[in-house]
N, C-alpha and C. Protein backbone atom coordinates (compact mmCIF):
# COMPACT_ATOMS: atom_id res chain seq x y z
N MET A 1 79.04 -91.17 -46.64
CA MET A 1 79.03 -91.57 -45.23
C MET A 1 77.60 -91.95 -44.91
N THR A 2 77.39 -93.08 -44.35
CA THR A 2 76.06 -93.61 -44.02
C THR A 2 75.67 -93.13 -42.67
N ALA A 3 74.40 -93.44 -42.34
CA ALA A 3 73.86 -92.99 -41.06
C ALA A 3 74.56 -93.65 -39.93
N SER A 4 75.02 -94.88 -40.14
CA SER A 4 75.68 -95.60 -39.06
C SER A 4 77.06 -95.09 -38.86
N THR A 5 77.62 -94.43 -39.88
CA THR A 5 78.99 -94.00 -39.78
C THR A 5 79.09 -92.50 -39.51
N ARG A 6 77.81 -91.65 -39.39
CA ARG A 6 77.90 -90.20 -39.14
C ARG A 6 78.33 -89.95 -37.73
N PRO A 7 78.99 -88.91 -37.52
CA PRO A 7 79.50 -88.61 -36.17
C PRO A 7 78.32 -88.30 -35.25
N ARG A 8 78.28 -88.86 -34.09
CA ARG A 8 77.20 -88.68 -33.10
C ARG A 8 77.22 -87.28 -32.49
N GLY A 9 78.38 -86.66 -32.50
CA GLY A 9 78.47 -85.32 -31.92
C GLY A 9 77.60 -84.30 -32.64
N ILE A 10 77.46 -84.46 -33.92
CA ILE A 10 76.64 -83.51 -34.71
C ILE A 10 75.20 -83.61 -34.31
N ASP A 11 74.68 -84.85 -34.15
CA ASP A 11 73.28 -85.04 -33.76
C ASP A 11 73.01 -84.47 -32.38
N LEU A 12 73.99 -84.61 -31.51
CA LEU A 12 73.82 -84.09 -30.13
C LEU A 12 73.75 -82.57 -30.13
N ARG A 13 74.60 -81.96 -30.94
CA ARG A 13 74.55 -80.49 -30.98
C ARG A 13 73.24 -80.00 -31.59
N LEU A 14 72.76 -80.68 -32.57
CA LEU A 14 71.52 -80.27 -33.21
C LEU A 14 70.36 -80.38 -32.25
N SER A 15 70.38 -81.48 -31.48
CA SER A 15 69.31 -81.68 -30.49
C SER A 15 69.35 -80.59 -29.43
N LEU A 16 70.57 -80.26 -29.04
CA LEU A 16 70.74 -79.22 -28.03
C LEU A 16 70.25 -77.88 -28.54
N ILE A 17 70.55 -77.56 -29.77
CA ILE A 17 70.11 -76.30 -30.37
C ILE A 17 68.59 -76.24 -30.45
N LEU A 18 68.01 -77.34 -30.89
CA LEU A 18 66.56 -77.40 -31.02
C LEU A 18 65.88 -77.25 -29.65
N GLY A 19 66.52 -77.84 -28.67
CA GLY A 19 65.95 -77.75 -27.30
C GLY A 19 65.99 -76.33 -26.78
N ILE A 20 67.11 -75.68 -27.05
CA ILE A 20 67.23 -74.28 -26.59
C ILE A 20 66.20 -73.41 -27.29
N LEU A 21 66.03 -73.62 -28.57
CA LEU A 21 65.04 -72.83 -29.32
C LEU A 21 63.64 -73.06 -28.78
N LEU A 22 63.37 -74.33 -28.42
CA LEU A 22 62.04 -74.63 -27.88
C LEU A 22 61.81 -73.93 -26.55
N VAL A 23 62.84 -73.93 -25.69
CA VAL A 23 62.73 -73.25 -24.38
C VAL A 23 62.51 -71.76 -24.56
N VAL A 24 63.27 -71.18 -25.48
CA VAL A 24 63.13 -69.74 -25.74
C VAL A 24 61.73 -69.41 -26.25
N ALA A 25 61.26 -70.33 -27.14
CA ALA A 25 59.93 -70.10 -27.69
C ALA A 25 58.87 -70.17 -26.61
N ILE A 26 59.00 -71.18 -25.74
CA ILE A 26 58.03 -71.34 -24.63
C ILE A 26 58.10 -70.15 -23.68
N GLY A 27 59.32 -69.69 -23.37
CA GLY A 27 59.49 -68.54 -22.47
C GLY A 27 58.89 -67.28 -23.04
N GLY A 28 59.12 -67.10 -24.36
CA GLY A 28 58.54 -65.91 -25.01
C GLY A 28 57.03 -65.92 -24.97
N THR A 29 56.52 -67.14 -25.16
CA THR A 29 55.05 -67.26 -25.12
C THR A 29 54.52 -66.94 -23.74
N ALA A 30 55.24 -67.42 -22.71
CA ALA A 30 54.82 -67.16 -21.32
C ALA A 30 54.88 -65.68 -21.01
N VAL A 31 55.97 -65.05 -21.43
CA VAL A 31 56.10 -63.59 -21.19
C VAL A 31 55.00 -62.83 -21.89
N TYR A 32 54.71 -63.24 -23.13
CA TYR A 32 53.64 -62.58 -23.89
C TYR A 32 52.29 -62.76 -23.20
N ALA A 33 52.07 -63.99 -22.69
CA ALA A 33 50.82 -64.29 -21.99
C ALA A 33 50.67 -63.44 -20.74
N VAL A 34 51.78 -63.34 -19.99
CA VAL A 34 51.74 -62.53 -18.76
C VAL A 34 51.47 -61.06 -19.09
N GLY A 35 52.16 -60.55 -20.13
CA GLY A 35 51.94 -59.15 -20.54
C GLY A 35 50.52 -58.91 -20.99
N THR A 36 49.99 -59.85 -21.74
CA THR A 36 48.61 -59.71 -22.23
C THR A 36 47.61 -59.74 -21.08
N ARG A 37 47.86 -60.59 -20.09
CA ARG A 37 46.97 -60.67 -18.92
C ARG A 37 46.98 -59.35 -18.15
N GLY A 38 48.13 -58.76 -18.03
CA GLY A 38 48.22 -57.45 -17.35
C GLY A 38 47.45 -56.39 -18.09
N ASP A 39 47.58 -56.42 -19.43
CA ASP A 39 46.83 -55.45 -20.22
C ASP A 39 45.33 -55.65 -20.05
N LEU A 40 44.91 -56.92 -20.00
CA LEU A 40 43.48 -57.22 -19.82
C LEU A 40 42.98 -56.74 -18.47
N ASP A 41 43.82 -56.96 -17.43
CA ASP A 41 43.41 -56.50 -16.09
C ASP A 41 43.26 -54.98 -16.04
N ARG A 42 44.23 -54.27 -16.62
CA ARG A 42 44.14 -52.81 -16.64
C ARG A 42 42.94 -52.34 -17.45
N THR A 43 42.69 -53.05 -18.56
CA THR A 43 41.53 -52.71 -19.38
C THR A 43 40.24 -52.92 -18.61
N ALA A 44 40.18 -54.02 -17.83
CA ALA A 44 38.99 -54.30 -17.02
C ALA A 44 38.77 -53.21 -15.97
N VAL A 45 39.86 -52.77 -15.34
CA VAL A 45 39.75 -51.68 -14.33
C VAL A 45 39.26 -50.40 -15.00
N THR A 46 39.87 -50.10 -16.14
CA THR A 46 39.46 -48.89 -16.88
C THR A 46 38.00 -48.97 -17.28
N LEU A 47 37.59 -50.17 -17.74
CA LEU A 47 36.21 -50.36 -18.15
C LEU A 47 35.26 -50.19 -16.98
N SER A 48 35.65 -50.72 -15.81
CA SER A 48 34.83 -50.59 -14.61
C SER A 48 34.69 -49.12 -14.21
N THR A 49 35.82 -48.43 -14.27
CA THR A 49 35.79 -46.99 -13.93
C THR A 49 34.92 -46.22 -14.91
N THR A 50 35.07 -46.57 -16.19
CA THR A 50 34.28 -45.90 -17.22
C THR A 50 32.79 -46.17 -17.03
N THR A 51 32.47 -47.42 -16.64
CA THR A 51 31.08 -47.79 -16.40
C THR A 51 30.49 -46.99 -15.24
N ALA A 52 31.28 -46.88 -14.16
CA ALA A 52 30.83 -46.10 -13.00
C ALA A 52 30.63 -44.63 -13.38
N THR A 53 31.58 -44.12 -14.14
CA THR A 53 31.46 -42.72 -14.59
C THR A 53 30.23 -42.54 -15.46
N LEU A 54 29.97 -43.52 -16.33
CA LEU A 54 28.81 -43.45 -17.20
C LEU A 54 27.52 -43.50 -16.39
N ASP A 55 27.49 -44.36 -15.36
CA ASP A 55 26.30 -44.44 -14.50
C ASP A 55 26.07 -43.10 -13.78
N SER A 56 27.15 -42.52 -13.27
CA SER A 56 27.04 -41.23 -12.58
C SER A 56 26.55 -40.14 -13.54
N THR A 57 27.10 -40.20 -14.77
CA THR A 57 26.69 -39.23 -15.78
C THR A 57 25.22 -39.38 -16.13
N LYS A 58 24.75 -40.64 -16.21
CA LYS A 58 23.34 -40.89 -16.49
C LYS A 58 22.47 -40.34 -15.36
N SER A 59 22.93 -40.53 -14.10
CA SER A 59 22.18 -40.01 -12.95
C SER A 59 22.12 -38.49 -12.97
N ASP A 60 23.27 -37.87 -13.27
CA ASP A 60 23.30 -36.41 -13.35
C ASP A 60 22.41 -35.91 -14.48
N LEU A 61 22.43 -36.64 -15.60
CA LEU A 61 21.61 -36.25 -16.74
C LEU A 61 20.13 -36.36 -16.41
N ALA A 62 19.76 -37.43 -15.68
CA ALA A 62 18.37 -37.60 -15.28
C ALA A 62 17.94 -36.47 -14.34
N ALA A 63 18.82 -36.12 -13.40
CA ALA A 63 18.52 -35.01 -12.47
C ALA A 63 18.38 -33.70 -13.24
N ALA A 64 19.27 -33.48 -14.20
CA ALA A 64 19.21 -32.27 -15.01
C ALA A 64 17.92 -32.22 -15.81
N GLU A 65 17.50 -33.39 -16.33
CA GLU A 65 16.25 -33.43 -17.09
C GLU A 65 15.06 -33.11 -16.21
N ARG A 66 15.07 -33.63 -14.95
CA ARG A 66 13.98 -33.34 -14.03
C ARG A 66 13.95 -31.84 -13.69
N LYS A 67 15.14 -31.29 -13.45
CA LYS A 67 15.22 -29.86 -13.14
C LYS A 67 14.76 -29.03 -14.33
N LEU A 68 15.13 -29.46 -15.53
CA LEU A 68 14.71 -28.76 -16.74
C LEU A 68 13.19 -28.81 -16.89
N ALA A 69 12.61 -29.98 -16.58
CA ALA A 69 11.16 -30.11 -16.67
C ALA A 69 10.47 -29.20 -15.66
N GLN A 70 11.02 -29.13 -14.41
CA GLN A 70 10.45 -28.25 -13.39
C GLN A 70 10.58 -26.78 -13.80
N THR A 71 11.75 -26.47 -14.37
CA THR A 71 11.96 -25.09 -14.84
C THR A 71 10.97 -24.73 -15.93
N LYS A 72 10.72 -25.66 -16.83
CA LYS A 72 9.75 -25.43 -17.90
C LYS A 72 8.35 -25.22 -17.31
N THR A 73 8.02 -26.04 -16.29
CA THR A 73 6.72 -25.88 -15.63
C THR A 73 6.61 -24.50 -14.99
N ASP A 74 7.69 -24.10 -14.31
CA ASP A 74 7.70 -22.77 -13.67
C ASP A 74 7.56 -21.67 -14.71
N LEU A 75 8.27 -21.83 -15.81
CA LEU A 75 8.20 -20.83 -16.87
C LEU A 75 6.80 -20.75 -17.46
N ASP A 76 6.17 -21.92 -17.63
CA ASP A 76 4.81 -21.93 -18.16
C ASP A 76 3.86 -21.21 -17.20
N GLN A 77 4.04 -21.47 -15.90
CA GLN A 77 3.20 -20.81 -14.90
C GLN A 77 3.43 -19.30 -14.90
N GLN A 78 4.71 -18.90 -14.98
CA GLN A 78 5.02 -17.48 -15.02
C GLN A 78 4.45 -16.83 -16.28
N SER A 79 4.48 -17.58 -17.38
CA SER A 79 3.92 -17.05 -18.63
C SER A 79 2.42 -16.82 -18.50
N ARG A 80 1.73 -17.78 -17.84
CA ARG A 80 0.29 -17.62 -17.63
C ARG A 80 -0.01 -16.42 -16.73
N LEU A 81 0.79 -16.29 -15.66
CA LEU A 81 0.60 -15.15 -14.75
C LEU A 81 0.85 -13.83 -15.47
N LEU A 82 1.90 -13.82 -16.30
CA LEU A 82 2.22 -12.61 -17.06
C LEU A 82 1.10 -12.26 -18.02
N ALA A 83 0.56 -13.30 -18.68
CA ALA A 83 -0.54 -13.06 -19.62
C ALA A 83 -1.76 -12.51 -18.89
N ALA A 84 -2.04 -13.09 -17.69
CA ALA A 84 -3.18 -12.60 -16.90
C ALA A 84 -2.96 -11.16 -16.47
N ALA A 85 -1.72 -10.86 -16.04
CA ALA A 85 -1.41 -9.49 -15.60
C ALA A 85 -1.51 -8.52 -16.77
N THR A 86 -1.09 -8.98 -17.94
CA THR A 86 -1.13 -8.11 -19.13
C THR A 86 -2.57 -7.74 -19.48
N THR A 87 -3.49 -8.69 -19.31
CA THR A 87 -4.89 -8.39 -19.60
C THR A 87 -5.47 -7.39 -18.61
N LYS A 88 -4.88 -7.29 -17.41
CA LYS A 88 -5.38 -6.36 -16.40
C LYS A 88 -4.82 -4.96 -16.56
N VAL A 89 -3.79 -4.81 -17.38
CA VAL A 89 -3.14 -3.50 -17.52
C VAL A 89 -4.12 -2.41 -17.95
N PRO A 90 -4.94 -2.63 -19.01
CA PRO A 90 -5.88 -1.56 -19.39
C PRO A 90 -6.84 -1.18 -18.27
N MET A 91 -7.33 -2.21 -17.54
CA MET A 91 -8.25 -1.92 -16.43
C MET A 91 -7.55 -1.12 -15.34
N LEU A 92 -6.30 -1.50 -15.04
CA LEU A 92 -5.55 -0.78 -14.03
C LEU A 92 -5.27 0.66 -14.47
N GLU A 93 -4.94 0.82 -15.75
CA GLU A 93 -4.71 2.17 -16.27
C GLU A 93 -5.96 3.03 -16.14
N GLU A 94 -7.12 2.42 -16.42
CA GLU A 94 -8.38 3.16 -16.29
C GLU A 94 -8.64 3.52 -14.84
N GLN A 95 -8.36 2.56 -13.94
CA GLN A 95 -8.56 2.83 -12.52
C GLN A 95 -7.64 3.95 -12.04
N ILE A 96 -6.39 3.91 -12.52
CA ILE A 96 -5.44 4.97 -12.13
C ILE A 96 -5.93 6.32 -12.63
N SER A 97 -6.43 6.33 -13.89
CA SER A 97 -6.95 7.57 -14.45
C SER A 97 -8.13 8.07 -13.64
N ARG A 98 -9.03 7.15 -13.28
CA ARG A 98 -10.20 7.53 -12.48
C ARG A 98 -9.78 7.99 -11.10
N LYS A 99 -8.76 7.35 -10.55
CA LYS A 99 -8.28 7.76 -9.23
C LYS A 99 -7.76 9.19 -9.26
N GLY A 100 -7.09 9.55 -10.36
CA GLY A 100 -6.61 10.93 -10.49
C GLY A 100 -7.77 11.91 -10.47
N VAL A 101 -8.82 11.57 -11.24
CA VAL A 101 -10.01 12.43 -11.27
C VAL A 101 -10.67 12.47 -9.90
N CYS A 102 -10.72 11.29 -9.26
CA CYS A 102 -11.36 11.21 -7.94
C CYS A 102 -10.58 12.01 -6.90
N ILE A 103 -9.26 11.92 -6.96
CA ILE A 103 -8.44 12.66 -6.00
C ILE A 103 -8.67 14.16 -6.15
N THR A 104 -8.73 14.61 -7.41
CA THR A 104 -8.99 16.03 -7.65
C THR A 104 -10.36 16.43 -7.12
N ALA A 105 -11.37 15.59 -7.42
CA ALA A 105 -12.73 15.90 -6.96
C ALA A 105 -12.81 15.88 -5.44
N GLN A 106 -12.22 14.88 -4.83
CA GLN A 106 -12.28 14.78 -3.38
C GLN A 106 -11.50 15.89 -2.69
N SER A 107 -10.43 16.32 -3.32
CA SER A 107 -9.68 17.46 -2.76
C SER A 107 -10.56 18.71 -2.76
N GLY A 108 -11.29 18.92 -3.86
CA GLY A 108 -12.22 20.04 -3.92
C GLY A 108 -13.33 19.91 -2.88
N ASN A 109 -13.83 18.67 -2.71
CA ASN A 109 -14.87 18.44 -1.70
C ASN A 109 -14.36 18.75 -0.30
N LEU A 110 -13.12 18.33 -0.04
CA LEU A 110 -12.56 18.57 1.28
C LEU A 110 -12.39 20.06 1.55
N THR A 111 -11.95 20.79 0.53
CA THR A 111 -11.80 22.24 0.67
C THR A 111 -13.16 22.90 0.96
N GLU A 112 -14.18 22.48 0.22
CA GLU A 112 -15.52 23.04 0.42
C GLU A 112 -16.07 22.68 1.79
N LEU A 113 -15.81 21.45 2.23
CA LEU A 113 -16.29 21.04 3.55
C LEU A 113 -15.65 21.88 4.65
N HIS A 114 -14.36 22.14 4.52
CA HIS A 114 -13.68 23.00 5.49
C HIS A 114 -14.28 24.41 5.49
N ARG A 115 -14.62 24.92 4.31
CA ARG A 115 -15.21 26.25 4.21
C ARG A 115 -16.56 26.30 4.92
N ILE A 116 -17.37 25.25 4.70
CA ILE A 116 -18.68 25.20 5.34
C ILE A 116 -18.54 25.11 6.86
N LEU A 117 -17.61 24.31 7.31
CA LEU A 117 -17.37 24.19 8.75
C LEU A 117 -16.93 25.52 9.35
N ASP A 118 -16.09 26.25 8.62
CA ASP A 118 -15.67 27.57 9.09
C ASP A 118 -16.87 28.51 9.20
N LEU A 119 -17.77 28.46 8.21
CA LEU A 119 -18.99 29.29 8.26
C LEU A 119 -19.84 28.93 9.47
N GLN A 120 -19.95 27.64 9.75
CA GLN A 120 -20.75 27.20 10.89
C GLN A 120 -20.13 27.66 12.21
N ARG A 121 -18.80 27.58 12.30
CA ARG A 121 -18.14 28.04 13.52
C ARG A 121 -18.33 29.55 13.71
N GLN A 122 -18.18 30.28 12.61
CA GLN A 122 -18.37 31.73 12.69
C GLN A 122 -19.80 32.08 13.10
N ASN A 123 -20.75 31.35 12.55
CA ASN A 123 -22.14 31.63 12.87
C ASN A 123 -22.46 31.25 14.32
N PHE A 124 -21.88 30.16 14.76
CA PHE A 124 -22.10 29.77 16.16
C PHE A 124 -21.51 30.81 17.10
N ALA A 125 -20.38 31.39 16.68
CA ALA A 125 -19.74 32.42 17.51
C ALA A 125 -20.63 33.64 17.69
N ARG A 126 -21.60 33.86 16.81
CA ARG A 126 -22.51 35.00 16.91
C ARG A 126 -23.53 34.83 18.04
N THR A 127 -23.56 33.62 18.64
CA THR A 127 -24.54 33.36 19.70
C THR A 127 -23.88 33.11 21.06
N THR A 128 -22.56 33.23 21.14
CA THR A 128 -21.87 32.95 22.41
C THR A 128 -21.94 34.16 23.34
N LYS A 129 -21.41 34.00 24.55
CA LYS A 129 -21.46 35.05 25.57
C LYS A 129 -20.70 36.31 25.15
N THR A 130 -19.66 36.10 24.33
CA THR A 130 -18.84 37.24 23.92
C THR A 130 -19.29 37.83 22.60
N SER A 131 -20.38 37.33 22.03
CA SER A 131 -20.84 37.81 20.72
C SER A 131 -21.49 39.18 20.85
N ALA A 132 -21.56 39.89 19.73
CA ALA A 132 -22.22 41.21 19.71
C ALA A 132 -23.69 41.08 20.04
N TRP A 133 -24.34 40.03 19.51
CA TRP A 133 -25.77 39.83 19.82
C TRP A 133 -26.01 39.65 21.30
N ARG A 134 -25.15 38.87 21.96
CA ARG A 134 -25.34 38.63 23.39
C ARG A 134 -25.10 39.91 24.19
N LYS A 135 -24.11 40.68 23.80
CA LYS A 135 -23.82 41.94 24.50
C LYS A 135 -24.99 42.91 24.36
N GLU A 136 -25.53 43.03 23.14
CA GLU A 136 -26.68 43.91 22.93
C GLU A 136 -27.90 43.41 23.69
N SER A 137 -28.08 42.10 23.69
CA SER A 137 -29.23 41.53 24.38
C SER A 137 -29.13 41.77 25.88
N ASP A 138 -27.94 41.55 26.45
CA ASP A 138 -27.75 41.76 27.89
C ASP A 138 -27.94 43.24 28.25
N ALA A 139 -27.36 44.14 27.41
CA ALA A 139 -27.49 45.58 27.67
C ALA A 139 -28.95 46.02 27.57
N GLY A 140 -29.68 45.51 26.59
CA GLY A 140 -31.09 45.86 26.44
C GLY A 140 -31.92 45.37 27.62
N GLN A 141 -31.63 44.14 28.06
CA GLN A 141 -32.37 43.61 29.20
C GLN A 141 -32.08 44.42 30.47
N LYS A 142 -30.83 44.82 30.65
CA LYS A 142 -30.46 45.63 31.80
C LYS A 142 -31.17 46.99 31.77
N ALA A 143 -31.20 47.61 30.60
CA ALA A 143 -31.89 48.90 30.45
C ALA A 143 -33.38 48.76 30.74
N LEU A 144 -33.96 47.65 30.29
CA LEU A 144 -35.38 47.43 30.53
C LEU A 144 -35.66 47.22 32.01
N ASP A 145 -34.78 46.49 32.67
CA ASP A 145 -34.95 46.29 34.12
C ASP A 145 -34.87 47.63 34.86
N LEU A 146 -33.92 48.49 34.45
CA LEU A 146 -33.79 49.80 35.08
C LEU A 146 -35.02 50.67 34.81
N ALA A 147 -35.56 50.54 33.60
CA ALA A 147 -36.77 51.31 33.26
C ALA A 147 -37.93 50.91 34.16
N ILE A 148 -38.06 49.62 34.43
CA ILE A 148 -39.14 49.15 35.30
C ILE A 148 -38.92 49.65 36.73
N THR A 149 -37.64 49.57 37.15
CA THR A 149 -37.32 50.05 38.49
C THR A 149 -37.62 51.55 38.62
N ASP A 150 -37.24 52.32 37.60
CA ASP A 150 -37.50 53.76 37.63
C ASP A 150 -38.99 54.06 37.66
N LEU A 151 -39.78 53.29 36.95
CA LEU A 151 -41.23 53.50 36.96
C LEU A 151 -41.82 53.22 38.34
N TYR A 152 -41.27 52.20 38.97
CA TYR A 152 -41.75 51.88 40.33
C TYR A 152 -41.45 53.03 41.28
N ARG A 153 -40.22 53.58 41.14
CA ARG A 153 -39.85 54.70 42.00
C ARG A 153 -40.70 55.93 41.67
N ALA A 154 -40.99 56.11 40.41
CA ALA A 154 -41.86 57.23 40.02
C ALA A 154 -43.23 57.06 40.66
N TRP A 155 -43.75 55.85 40.67
CA TRP A 155 -45.05 55.59 41.29
C TRP A 155 -45.01 55.85 42.78
N GLN A 156 -43.88 55.44 43.44
CA GLN A 156 -43.74 55.67 44.87
C GLN A 156 -43.75 57.17 45.18
N ASN A 157 -42.99 57.93 44.39
CA ASN A 157 -42.91 59.37 44.62
C ASN A 157 -44.24 60.06 44.32
N ALA A 158 -44.92 59.59 43.29
CA ALA A 158 -46.23 60.17 42.97
C ALA A 158 -47.21 59.89 44.10
N ALA A 159 -47.16 58.67 44.63
CA ALA A 159 -48.04 58.31 45.73
C ALA A 159 -47.74 59.14 46.97
N ALA A 160 -46.50 59.54 47.13
CA ALA A 160 -46.09 60.35 48.29
C ALA A 160 -46.31 61.84 48.04
N GLY A 161 -46.82 62.17 46.86
CA GLY A 161 -47.06 63.56 46.54
C GLY A 161 -45.86 64.30 46.03
N LYS A 162 -44.83 63.55 45.75
CA LYS A 162 -43.60 64.17 45.23
C LYS A 162 -43.63 64.08 43.71
N LEU A 163 -44.40 64.97 43.15
CA LEU A 163 -44.62 64.91 41.71
C LEU A 163 -43.35 65.23 40.91
N SER A 164 -42.55 66.18 41.40
CA SER A 164 -41.33 66.54 40.69
C SER A 164 -40.37 65.35 40.62
N ALA A 165 -40.22 64.65 41.76
CA ALA A 165 -39.35 63.47 41.80
C ALA A 165 -39.93 62.35 40.94
N ALA A 166 -41.26 62.24 40.97
CA ALA A 166 -41.91 61.21 40.18
C ALA A 166 -41.66 61.44 38.69
N ASN A 167 -41.79 62.71 38.28
CA ASN A 167 -41.52 63.01 36.86
C ASN A 167 -40.07 62.74 36.47
N SER A 168 -39.16 63.00 37.41
CA SER A 168 -37.74 62.73 37.14
C SER A 168 -37.50 61.23 36.92
N TRP A 169 -38.17 60.43 37.78
CA TRP A 169 -38.01 58.98 37.60
C TRP A 169 -38.70 58.50 36.30
N ILE A 170 -39.74 59.17 35.94
CA ILE A 170 -40.40 58.80 34.68
C ILE A 170 -39.48 59.12 33.50
N ARG A 171 -38.84 60.28 33.52
CA ARG A 171 -37.89 60.61 32.44
C ARG A 171 -36.73 59.62 32.38
N SER A 172 -36.24 59.23 33.59
CA SER A 172 -35.15 58.24 33.65
C SER A 172 -35.62 56.90 33.08
N SER A 173 -36.84 56.54 33.40
CA SER A 173 -37.39 55.27 32.88
C SER A 173 -37.51 55.32 31.37
N ASN A 174 -37.99 56.46 30.87
CA ASN A 174 -38.12 56.58 29.41
C ASN A 174 -36.76 56.50 28.71
N ALA A 175 -35.72 57.07 29.35
CA ALA A 175 -34.37 57.00 28.77
C ALA A 175 -33.88 55.55 28.74
N GLN A 176 -34.18 54.83 29.79
CA GLN A 176 -33.78 53.41 29.82
C GLN A 176 -34.54 52.61 28.77
N ILE A 177 -35.83 52.99 28.59
CA ILE A 177 -36.61 52.30 27.55
C ILE A 177 -36.03 52.59 26.17
N SER A 178 -35.61 53.84 25.95
CA SER A 178 -34.98 54.19 24.66
C SER A 178 -33.70 53.38 24.46
N THR A 179 -32.91 53.29 25.56
CA THR A 179 -31.67 52.50 25.47
C THR A 179 -31.99 51.04 25.17
N ALA A 180 -32.99 50.48 25.83
CA ALA A 180 -33.39 49.08 25.60
C ALA A 180 -33.82 48.87 24.16
N ASN A 181 -34.59 49.85 23.62
CA ASN A 181 -35.04 49.73 22.22
C ASN A 181 -33.85 49.76 21.25
N ALA A 182 -32.89 50.68 21.55
CA ALA A 182 -31.72 50.75 20.68
C ALA A 182 -30.91 49.46 20.73
N ARG A 183 -30.77 48.94 21.94
CA ARG A 183 -30.05 47.67 22.11
C ARG A 183 -30.81 46.54 21.41
N ASP A 184 -32.11 46.60 21.48
CA ASP A 184 -32.92 45.56 20.83
C ASP A 184 -32.77 45.62 19.32
N ARG A 185 -32.74 46.85 18.77
CA ARG A 185 -32.55 46.99 17.32
C ARG A 185 -31.17 46.47 16.90
N ALA A 186 -30.14 46.79 17.69
CA ALA A 186 -28.79 46.30 17.38
C ALA A 186 -28.72 44.78 17.48
N GLY A 187 -29.42 44.25 18.49
CA GLY A 187 -29.46 42.79 18.63
C GLY A 187 -30.17 42.13 17.47
N ASN A 188 -31.26 42.79 17.00
CA ASN A 188 -32.01 42.24 15.86
C ASN A 188 -31.15 42.23 14.59
N LEU A 189 -30.29 43.24 14.45
CA LEU A 189 -29.38 43.24 13.30
C LEU A 189 -28.43 42.04 13.34
N GLU A 190 -27.96 41.73 14.55
CA GLU A 190 -27.09 40.56 14.70
C GLU A 190 -27.86 39.27 14.41
N VAL A 191 -29.12 39.25 14.82
CA VAL A 191 -29.96 38.07 14.53
C VAL A 191 -30.14 37.92 13.02
N LYS A 192 -30.35 39.03 12.33
CA LYS A 192 -30.49 38.98 10.87
C LYS A 192 -29.20 38.46 10.22
N ARG A 193 -28.08 38.94 10.75
CA ARG A 193 -26.79 38.45 10.21
C ARG A 193 -26.65 36.94 10.44
N THR A 194 -27.05 36.50 11.61
CA THR A 194 -26.97 35.07 11.92
C THR A 194 -27.89 34.26 11.01
N ASN A 195 -29.11 34.79 10.80
CA ASN A 195 -30.07 34.09 9.92
C ASN A 195 -29.57 34.05 8.47
N ALA A 196 -28.97 35.16 8.02
CA ALA A 196 -28.44 35.21 6.65
C ALA A 196 -27.29 34.21 6.51
N ALA A 197 -26.44 34.15 7.53
CA ALA A 197 -25.33 33.20 7.49
C ALA A 197 -25.85 31.76 7.50
N THR A 198 -26.92 31.52 8.26
CA THR A 198 -27.53 30.18 8.30
C THR A 198 -28.07 29.81 6.92
N ASP A 199 -28.73 30.76 6.26
CA ASP A 199 -29.24 30.49 4.91
C ASP A 199 -28.09 30.18 3.94
N ALA A 200 -27.00 30.95 4.06
CA ALA A 200 -25.84 30.71 3.19
C ALA A 200 -25.24 29.33 3.46
N ILE A 201 -25.20 28.95 4.72
CA ILE A 201 -24.66 27.63 5.08
C ILE A 201 -25.55 26.53 4.52
N ASN A 202 -26.86 26.70 4.64
CA ASN A 202 -27.79 25.69 4.11
C ASN A 202 -27.64 25.55 2.59
N THR A 203 -27.52 26.70 1.91
CA THR A 203 -27.33 26.67 0.45
C THR A 203 -26.02 25.97 0.09
N ALA A 204 -24.96 26.27 0.84
CA ALA A 204 -23.66 25.64 0.58
C ALA A 204 -23.72 24.14 0.84
N GLN A 205 -24.46 23.75 1.87
CA GLN A 205 -24.59 22.32 2.18
C GLN A 205 -25.36 21.59 1.09
N ASP A 206 -26.40 22.22 0.56
CA ASP A 206 -27.16 21.59 -0.53
C ASP A 206 -26.27 21.42 -1.77
N ALA A 207 -25.50 22.46 -2.10
CA ALA A 207 -24.61 22.39 -3.26
C ALA A 207 -23.52 21.34 -3.02
N PHE A 208 -23.04 21.30 -1.80
CA PHE A 208 -22.00 20.31 -1.47
C PHE A 208 -22.53 18.89 -1.60
N GLN A 209 -23.77 18.68 -1.18
CA GLN A 209 -24.35 17.34 -1.28
C GLN A 209 -24.47 16.91 -2.75
N LYS A 210 -24.86 17.84 -3.62
CA LYS A 210 -24.93 17.52 -5.04
C LYS A 210 -23.55 17.19 -5.60
N LYS A 211 -22.57 17.98 -5.18
CA LYS A 211 -21.20 17.74 -5.64
C LYS A 211 -20.69 16.40 -5.12
N LEU A 212 -21.06 16.08 -3.89
CA LEU A 212 -20.66 14.80 -3.31
C LEU A 212 -21.31 13.64 -4.04
N ASP A 213 -22.56 13.79 -4.42
CA ASP A 213 -23.26 12.75 -5.20
C ASP A 213 -22.57 12.53 -6.54
N ALA A 214 -22.14 13.63 -7.17
CA ALA A 214 -21.45 13.52 -8.45
C ALA A 214 -20.10 12.82 -8.27
N THR A 215 -19.44 13.12 -7.18
CA THR A 215 -18.14 12.47 -6.90
C THR A 215 -18.34 10.97 -6.70
N ILE A 216 -19.37 10.60 -5.95
CA ILE A 216 -19.66 9.19 -5.71
C ILE A 216 -19.98 8.48 -7.03
N ALA A 217 -20.72 9.15 -7.90
CA ALA A 217 -21.05 8.56 -9.20
C ALA A 217 -19.80 8.32 -10.03
N THR A 218 -18.82 9.21 -9.90
CA THR A 218 -17.59 9.08 -10.68
C THR A 218 -16.64 8.06 -10.08
N CYS A 219 -16.49 8.12 -8.76
CA CYS A 219 -15.47 7.31 -8.09
C CYS A 219 -16.01 6.05 -7.46
N GLY A 220 -17.32 5.99 -7.27
CA GLY A 220 -17.88 4.86 -6.56
C GLY A 220 -17.99 5.21 -5.08
N ALA A 221 -18.88 4.44 -4.42
CA ALA A 221 -19.09 4.73 -3.00
C ALA A 221 -17.88 4.36 -2.19
């Protein structure tokens, strides 16, 4: 069968089949293109998000690095301060030890100072109105005044010729003089006690001053 004599229906069906295949092929390509474009768009969004996240992470990392650097600086400063403090420990320990010695010495000084003050108060009390010395002194002075008065009366009676009365006043005067002498001796004993206490106070003050000088030498002024 020649080409001129082949049935035309066969060629038409073949052309139709080929056309359908071409349309299907073109449609498949279009669908694939659309799907690929969608994937690219999603990838672009993901990439943008990832880029933003990366930028944020870089910023956080930079901030962390700055904070770390500041922390290191602070640690270095603290280390220097600690080293300086460590070098002062022996000196501080010595000062504490000296302070203990000084506290003990000063406590003793304070006790001695109170003792000396008590001695001074007691000695001052020996010269007040209520002291034994003052009582003896007042009594002696009173007796002496009476003795003088009695002598005057004795003179008056003698001048009047009353010799018996004059002698009586003379005896009374002599008794008052004896009383005044006794009071004077008792007063002198109190004066001796006061003088002895004064000497003891002066000696204690001299010793205290030496002890205070030694304390100052140990503890500093």
